[in-house]
């Protein structure tokens, strides 16, 4: 498959999780191993967390190839005695969890960066065996690696490639990242910036000249040490949550060192919009008079903040405040609240005022039903 076809058929993280779980339907000798190729900082490691959540009877195992030197980090010789005769067997690394004798989800991380350990892993990939130890028949095995063209040292030999299935994981877009961020405590200012800046989530493979997108990693961008990924965006959110303890000057410096100069300066403009936001307490205690933001960006931040912090005790207050926002903002909240991935969907959907709003505004969602 050529590179353009690989990009064309790149999968979302949800699609990849589903593909890995298909192994549960395969006979023991027919299980395939996926090696997931993805951009740095795009969430490959989250696959293990998602599988762990869906398979509570399995034990999640994380095996980091970058901390291993050679085959000895997989198995070590162990001397045994049988009827007076000495012999050597091999004990597997505890990190692989084989000794647990239970269903596992084994993630072999950064497998492309360690050439010395790929050969010993081939039997695990193809036969679900490590030495003489056979894995539980319901065990799932997958691996992750960076895209080779990123230039961070990910390579594979042909005989390993022939034992596995490579699949490209695409970068999440801004809307997917906002949905994730709402459920995972990402700062509302950053989520508002995501909405207005979709090219943060573009791939360098679509940009020949790195100056066309100064926000992202590009292997040709000499000296671009800090740049935006979903991972560094999460790190930026950590700083934003502490901004009440520092000056704007310090915050800007920290953001530059986390997500790059261009991205940091633009994000700081969004941070200053926070002055337009009504406090959560004002919405909870006086929804009919709480401040309504003037700009569209600040309105988005109010919606994202409310989705992230919603509790049953103040859904009524929010439903009194929300009609004071424009219809686009109201629709944004409702679409977020009824998203199956929204962690507080039951809190909102079971509210009588929300149900009444939905009945009164059915026309806004007729397109969804076609």
Protein backbone atom coordinates (compact mmCIF):
# COMPACT_ATOMS: atom_id res chain seq x y z
CA UNK A 1 0.00 0.00 0.00
CA UNK A 2 1.48 3.39 -0.94
CA UNK A 3 1.63 6.28 1.49
CA UNK A 4 -1.39 8.12 0.05
CA UNK A 5 -3.55 5.01 0.42
CA UNK A 6 -2.27 4.53 3.97
CA UNK A 7 -3.38 8.06 4.81
CA UNK A 8 -6.70 7.63 3.02
CA UNK A 9 -7.57 4.56 5.07
CA UNK A 10 -6.26 5.87 8.40
CA UNK A 11 -8.55 4.85 11.25
CA UNK A 12 -9.92 6.72 14.24
CA UNK A 13 -8.92 5.49 17.68
CA UNK A 14 -12.43 4.05 18.17
CA UNK A 15 -12.17 2.06 14.94
CA UNK A 16 -8.78 0.70 15.98
CA UNK A 17 -10.09 -0.37 19.40
CA UNK A 18 -12.91 -2.22 17.65
CA UNK A 19 -10.45 -3.95 15.31
CA UNK A 20 -8.29 -5.12 18.23
CA UNK A 21 -11.34 -6.47 20.05
CA UNK A 22 -12.21 -8.62 17.03
CA UNK A 23 -9.46 -10.89 18.33
CA UNK A 24 -11.94 -12.12 20.92
CA UNK A 25 -13.96 -13.68 18.08
CA UNK A 26 -10.97 -15.44 16.50
CA UNK A 27 -9.78 -18.94 17.22
CA UNK A 28 -6.63 -19.11 19.28
CA UNK A 29 -4.39 -20.00 16.32
CA UNK A 30 -5.98 -17.31 14.10
CA UNK A 31 -5.47 -14.19 16.20
CA UNK A 32 -3.82 -11.31 14.36
CA UNK A 33 -1.62 -8.63 15.91
CA UNK A 34 -2.12 -4.97 15.00
CA UNK A 35 0.79 -2.56 15.01
CA UNK A 36 -0.73 0.89 15.28
CA UNK A 37 1.24 3.64 13.54
CA UNK A 38 0.40 7.16 14.62
CA UNK A 39 1.65 10.70 14.99
CA UNK A 40 3.51 11.56 18.17
CA UNK A 41 1.26 12.78 20.95
CA UNK A 42 -1.93 11.72 19.15
CA UNK A 43 -3.23 9.36 21.84
CA UNK A 44 -1.92 5.92 20.85
CA UNK A 45 -1.35 4.99 24.49
CA UNK A 46 -5.02 5.73 25.20
CA UNK A 47 -5.94 2.57 23.27
CA UNK A 48 -4.94 0.45 26.27
CA UNK A 49 -7.12 2.52 28.62
CA UNK A 50 -10.10 2.23 26.28
CA UNK A 51 -9.71 -1.55 25.98
CA UNK A 52 -9.27 -1.87 29.74
CA UNK A 53 -12.55 0.00 30.28
CA UNK A 54 -14.44 -2.21 27.82
CA UNK A 55 -12.95 -5.48 29.10
CA UNK A 56 -13.08 -5.35 32.93
CA UNK A 57 -12.28 -9.08 33.25
CA UNK A 58 -8.96 -8.61 31.42
CA UNK A 59 -5.80 -7.22 32.99
CA UNK A 60 -4.14 -4.35 31.12
CA UNK A 61 -0.38 -4.81 30.59
CA UNK A 62 1.89 -1.99 29.39
CA UNK A 63 5.28 -3.07 28.03
CA UNK A 64 7.61 -0.20 27.10
CA UNK A 65 10.22 -1.21 24.54
CA UNK A 66 12.27 1.95 25.04
CA UNK A 67 13.33 0.74 28.50
CA UNK A 68 14.54 -2.65 27.23
CA UNK A 69 18.04 -3.47 26.02
CA UNK A 70 17.72 -6.87 24.34
CA UNK A 71 16.08 -10.32 24.46
CA UNK A 72 17.21 -10.74 28.06
CA UNK A 73 14.59 -8.19 29.07
CA UNK A 74 11.90 -10.55 27.79
CA UNK A 75 13.20 -13.82 29.25
CA UNK A 76 16.01 -14.77 31.58
CA UNK A 77 17.49 -18.29 32.02
CA UNK A 78 16.56 -20.10 35.20
CA UNK A 79 18.30 -23.27 36.41
CA UNK A 80 16.09 -26.16 37.52
CA UNK A 81 16.57 -29.71 38.71
CA UNK A 82 14.54 -32.75 37.72
CA UNK A 83 15.43 -36.10 39.30
CA UNK A 84 19.01 -35.00 39.82
CA UNK A 85 19.44 -33.63 36.30
CA UNK A 86 20.12 -29.95 35.83
CA UNK A 87 18.51 -28.08 32.97
CA UNK A 88 17.72 -24.49 31.95
CA UNK A 89 14.28 -23.00 31.54
CA UNK A 90 13.34 -19.37 30.95
CA UNK A 91 11.42 -17.01 33.20
CA UNK A 92 9.44 -14.28 31.42
CA UNK A 93 9.54 -10.65 32.39
CA UNK A 94 6.91 -9.87 35.02
CA UNK A 95 5.85 -6.83 32.98
CA UNK A 96 4.31 -9.13 30.35
CA UNK A 97 1.96 -10.69 32.90
CA UNK A 98 2.22 -14.21 31.46
CA UNK A 99 2.60 -15.69 34.96
CA UNK A 100 -0.87 -14.44 35.89
CA UNK A 101 -2.56 -17.17 33.79
CA UNK A 102 -5.54 -14.92 33.04
CA UNK A 103 -6.88 -12.92 30.05
CA UNK A 104 -4.58 -10.01 29.32
CA UNK A 105 -4.51 -6.93 27.10
CA UNK A 106 -0.83 -6.55 26.22
CA UNK A 107 0.29 -3.29 24.67
CA UNK A 108 3.84 -3.36 23.29
CA UNK A 109 4.64 0.35 23.15
CA UNK A 110 7.26 2.02 20.94
CA UNK A 111 8.07 -1.31 19.29
CA UNK A 112 9.61 0.31 16.21
CA UNK A 113 12.33 2.06 18.21
CA UNK A 114 14.02 -1.07 19.57
CA UNK A 115 15.41 -3.31 16.81
CA UNK A 116 17.11 -5.70 19.27
CA UNK A 117 13.83 -6.77 20.84
CA UNK A 118 11.72 -7.18 17.70
CA UNK A 119 12.97 -10.68 16.85
CA UNK A 120 12.13 -12.10 20.30
CA UNK A 121 8.67 -10.55 20.02
CA UNK A 122 7.84 -12.25 16.72
CA UNK A 123 6.54 -15.39 18.36
CA UNK A 124 4.34 -13.34 20.68
CA UNK A 125 2.92 -11.49 17.68
CA UNK A 126 2.22 -14.61 15.63
CA UNK A 127 1.66 -17.49 18.07
CA UNK A 128 0.78 -15.78 21.37
CA UNK A 129 3.79 -17.58 22.91
CA UNK A 130 6.74 -16.30 24.93
CA UNK A 131 9.33 -19.03 25.13
CA UNK A 132 7.40 -22.10 26.32
CA UNK A 133 4.65 -20.00 27.86
CA UNK A 134 1.35 -19.81 26.02
CA UNK A 135 -0.93 -16.87 26.69
CA UNK A 136 -4.50 -17.25 27.89
CA UNK A 137 -6.67 -17.84 24.77
CA UNK A 138 -8.65 -14.63 25.37
CA UNK A 139 -5.55 -12.44 25.57
CA UNK A 140 -5.30 -9.52 23.14
CA UNK A 141 -1.93 -8.30 21.89
CA UNK A 142 -1.21 -5.10 19.95
CA UNK A 143 1.72 -2.75 19.52
CA UNK A 144 2.25 0.95 18.83
CA UNK A 145 4.86 2.88 16.92
CA UNK A 146 5.44 6.30 15.42
CA UNK A 147 5.13 7.01 11.72
CA UNK A 148 8.47 6.30 10.08
CA UNK A 149 8.60 9.64 8.25
CA UNK A 150 8.58 11.52 11.57
CA UNK A 151 12.23 10.56 11.79
CA UNK A 152 12.27 9.42 15.42
CA UNK A 153 13.76 6.00 14.72
CA UNK A 154 10.84 3.64 14.03
CA UNK A 155 11.85 0.78 11.71
CA UNK A 156 10.86 -2.85 11.14
CA UNK A 157 12.45 -5.83 9.42
CA UNK A 158 10.52 -7.56 6.68
CA UNK A 159 9.97 -10.83 8.54
CA UNK A 160 8.37 -8.94 11.43
CA UNK A 161 6.17 -6.94 9.04
CA UNK A 162 4.95 -10.18 7.50
CA UNK A 163 3.69 -11.46 10.85
CA UNK A 164 1.50 -8.47 11.75
CA UNK A 165 -1.10 -6.06 10.41
CA UNK A 166 -0.05 -2.42 10.26
CA UNK A 167 -2.80 0.16 10.59
CA UNK A 168 -2.47 3.94 10.54
CA UNK A 169 -4.23 5.86 13.30
CA UNK A 170 -5.32 9.28 12.17
CA UNK A 171 -5.02 12.33 14.38
CA UNK A 172 -8.22 13.30 16.18
CA UNK A 173 -9.84 16.44 14.78
CA UNK A 174 -10.79 19.49 16.82
CA UNK A 175 -14.37 18.37 17.49
CA UNK A 176 -13.26 14.92 18.71
CA UNK A 177 -10.64 16.60 20.90
CA UNK A 178 -13.26 18.94 22.38
CA UNK A 179 -15.53 15.97 23.19
CA UNK A 180 -12.63 14.20 24.91
CA UNK A 181 -11.59 17.37 26.70
CA UNK A 182 -15.06 17.98 28.13
CA UNK A 183 -14.98 14.55 29.77
CA UNK A 184 -11.39 14.82 30.94
CA UNK A 185 -11.08 18.22 32.57
CA UNK A 186 -9.35 20.18 29.79
CA UNK A 187 -9.45 23.93 30.43
CA UNK A 188 -12.44 25.61 28.68
CA UNK A 189 -10.20 28.34 27.24
CA UNK A 190 -8.21 25.71 25.40
CA UNK A 191 -11.39 23.99 24.17
CA UNK A 192 -12.63 27.30 22.80
CA UNK A 193 -9.31 27.72 21.02
CA UNK A 194 -9.64 24.21 19.58
CA UNK A 195 -13.00 25.09 18.05
CA UNK A 196 -11.63 28.15 16.26
CA UNK A 197 -8.32 26.56 15.21
CA UNK A 198 -8.93 23.22 13.43
CA UNK A 199 -5.51 23.32 11.73
CA UNK A 200 -3.94 22.53 15.12
CA UNK A 201 -4.89 18.94 14.34
CA UNK A 202 -3.56 18.80 10.77
CA UNK A 203 -0.92 16.30 9.69
CA UNK A 204 2.52 17.36 8.51
CA UNK A 205 2.03 14.87 5.68
CA UNK A 206 -0.44 17.31 4.14
CA UNK A 207 1.96 20.28 4.35
CA UNK A 208 5.04 20.38 2.14
CA UNK A 209 6.35 23.69 3.50
CA UNK A 210 6.50 23.67 7.34
CA UNK A 211 5.93 27.44 7.45
CA UNK A 212 2.39 26.85 6.15
CA UNK A 213 1.40 25.49 9.57
CA UNK A 214 3.66 26.79 12.36
CA UNK A 215 1.59 25.07 15.07
CA UNK A 216 2.42 21.41 14.42
CA UNK A 217 5.42 19.10 14.25
CA UNK A 218 7.10 18.90 10.86
CA UNK A 219 10.28 16.89 10.20
CA UNK A 220 11.53 19.72 7.95
CA UNK A 221 10.95 22.44 10.56
CA UNK A 222 14.51 22.88 11.82
CA UNK A 223 14.58 24.24 15.37
CA UNK A 224 10.85 23.85 16.03
CA UNK A 225 11.36 22.30 19.45
CA UNK A 226 7.89 22.95 20.91
CA UNK A 227 4.71 22.36 18.94
CA UNK A 228 1.08 21.38 19.39
CA UNK A 229 -0.13 17.80 19.73
CA UNK A 230 -3.03 16.49 21.79
CA UNK A 231 -0.42 15.50 24.37
CA UNK A 232 1.23 18.92 24.61
CA UNK A 233 -2.24 20.51 24.54
CA UNK A 234 -3.06 18.54 27.68
CA UNK A 235 0.17 19.84 29.24
CA UNK A 236 -0.85 23.39 28.28
CA UNK A 237 -4.20 22.85 30.00
CA UNK A 238 -2.35 21.93 33.19
CA UNK A 239 -0.63 25.34 33.14
CA UNK A 240 -3.87 27.16 32.32
CA UNK A 241 -5.55 25.71 35.40
CA UNK A 242 -2.81 27.32 37.54
CA UNK A 243 -2.96 30.75 35.86
CA UNK A 244 -4.48 32.36 38.96
CA UNK A 245 -1.14 31.74 40.68
CA UNK A 246 1.08 33.42 38.08
CA UNK A 247 1.41 36.51 35.92
CA UNK A 248 0.41 36.57 32.25
CA UNK A 249 4.09 36.97 31.44
CA UNK A 250 4.98 33.73 33.22
CA UNK A 251 2.01 31.85 31.77
CA UNK A 252 2.94 32.93 28.26
CA UNK A 253 6.53 31.75 28.76
CA UNK A 254 5.37 28.35 30.00
CA UNK A 255 2.93 27.94 27.12
CA UNK A 256 5.61 28.86 24.56
CA UNK A 257 7.82 26.13 25.99
CA UNK A 258 4.96 23.62 25.84
CA UNK A 259 3.11 24.24 22.55
CA UNK A 260 5.31 26.68 20.65
CA UNK A 261 5.40 30.44 20.19
CA UNK A 262 2.66 30.88 17.57
CA UNK A 263 0.18 28.63 19.35
CA UNK A 264 0.93 30.11 22.77
CA UNK A 265 0.39 33.70 21.64
CA UNK A 266 -2.91 32.84 19.99
CA UNK A 267 -4.07 30.85 23.01
CA UNK A 268 -3.29 33.74 25.36
CA UNK A 269 -5.76 35.87 23.38
CA UNK A 270 -8.40 33.27 24.23
CA UNK A 271 -7.35 33.26 27.86
CA UNK A 272 -8.06 36.99 28.06
CA UNK A 273 -11.62 36.29 26.90
CA UNK A 274 -12.15 34.56 30.24
CA UNK A 275 -12.87 38.01 31.70
CA UNK A 276 -16.13 37.97 29.74
CA UNK A 277 -17.27 34.69 31.26
CA UNK A 278 -19.88 34.69 34.00
CA UNK A 279 -18.82 32.76 37.08
CA UNK A 280 -20.35 29.35 37.63
CA UNK A 281 -21.76 30.58 40.93
CA UNK A 282 -23.60 33.43 39.21
CA UNK A 283 -25.23 30.95 36.79
CA UNK A 284 -26.14 28.59 39.61
CA UNK A 285 -27.52 31.28 41.94
CA UNK A 286 -28.95 33.90 39.56
CA UNK A 287 -29.35 32.41 36.07
CA UNK A 288 -31.79 35.09 34.87
CA UNK A 289 -29.29 37.88 35.52
CA UNK A 290 -25.87 36.22 35.15
CA UNK A 291 -23.61 37.81 32.58
CA UNK A 292 -23.99 36.74 28.94
CA UNK A 293 -20.69 36.87 26.97
CA UNK A 294 -20.48 39.27 24.06
CA UNK A 295 -18.20 37.28 21.75
CA UNK A 296 -18.87 33.93 20.09
CA UNK A 297 -15.61 32.49 21.40
CA UNK A 298 -16.40 33.39 25.00
CA UNK A 299 -19.87 31.90 24.59
CA UNK A 300 -18.29 28.61 23.45
CA UNK A 301 -16.13 28.59 26.55
CA UNK A 302 -19.21 29.01 28.78
CA UNK A 303 -20.88 26.04 27.05
CA UNK A 304 -17.79 23.82 27.29
CA UNK A 305 -17.19 24.77 30.93
CA UNK A 306 -20.81 24.00 31.81
CA UNK A 307 -20.73 20.62 30.07
CA UNK A 308 -17.53 19.71 31.89
CA UNK A 309 -18.70 20.76 35.35
CA UNK A 310 -22.42 19.94 35.15
CA UNK A 311 -24.03 18.42 38.23
CA UNK A 312 -27.60 17.35 38.89
CA UNK A 313 -27.98 20.10 41.50
CA UNK A 314 -27.78 22.94 38.98
CA UNK A 315 -29.14 21.59 35.68
CA UNK A 316 -32.34 23.58 36.33
CA UNK A 317 -30.35 26.77 36.77
CA UNK A 318 -28.44 26.12 33.57
CA UNK A 319 -31.67 25.50 31.66
CA UNK A 320 -32.89 28.90 32.89
CA UNK A 321 -29.65 30.54 31.76
CA UNK A 322 -29.12 28.74 28.44
CA UNK A 323 -32.08 30.33 26.52
CA UNK A 324 -30.37 33.69 27.00
CA UNK A 325 -27.57 32.47 24.72
CA UNK A 326 -27.92 32.42 20.94
CA UNK A 327 -29.46 29.40 19.26
CA UNK A 328 -26.11 28.15 17.97
CA UNK A 329 -24.73 28.03 21.51
CA UNK A 330 -27.86 26.30 22.78
CA UNK A 331 -27.54 23.69 20.06
CA UNK A 332 -23.87 23.23 20.91
CA UNK A 333 -24.74 22.42 24.51
CA UNK A 334 -27.56 20.04 23.59
CA UNK A 335 -25.47 18.19 21.01
CA UNK A 336 -22.72 17.82 23.60
CA UNK A 337 -25.13 16.65 26.29
CA UNK A 338 -26.74 13.97 24.15
CA UNK A 339 -23.44 12.63 22.80
CA UNK A 340 -23.24 8.96 23.92
CA UNK A 341 -19.64 9.57 25.03
CA UNK A 342 -20.63 12.42 27.36
CA UNK A 343 -19.86 11.28 30.90
CA UNK A 344 -22.84 13.16 32.43
CA UNK A 345 -25.44 12.37 29.78
CA UNK A 346 -27.87 10.86 32.30
CA UNK A 347 -27.63 13.91 34.56
CA UNK A 348 -28.80 16.23 31.78
CA UNK A 349 -31.10 14.01 29.73
CA UNK A 350 -33.22 13.06 32.75
CA UNK A 351 -33.90 16.69 33.66
CA UNK A 352 -37.50 17.87 33.11
CA UNK A 353 -36.51 21.35 31.93
CA UNK A 354 -34.07 19.88 29.43
CA UNK A 355 -36.77 17.53 28.14
CA UNK A 356 -39.17 20.45 27.73
CA UNK A 357 -36.53 22.50 25.90
CA UNK A 358 -35.93 19.59 23.52
CA UNK A 359 -39.67 19.29 22.80
CA UNK A 360 -39.98 23.03 22.18
CA UNK A 361 -36.95 23.14 19.87
CA UNK A 362 -37.31 19.92 17.87
CA UNK A 363 -36.91 21.92 14.66
CA UNK A 364 -33.23 22.53 15.47
CA UNK A 365 -32.44 18.82 15.12
CA UNK A 366 -34.62 17.73 12.20
CA UNK A 367 -31.51 17.45 10.02
CA UNK A 368 -30.08 14.85 12.42
CA UNK A 369 -33.02 12.56 11.76
CA UNK A 370 -32.70 12.41 7.99
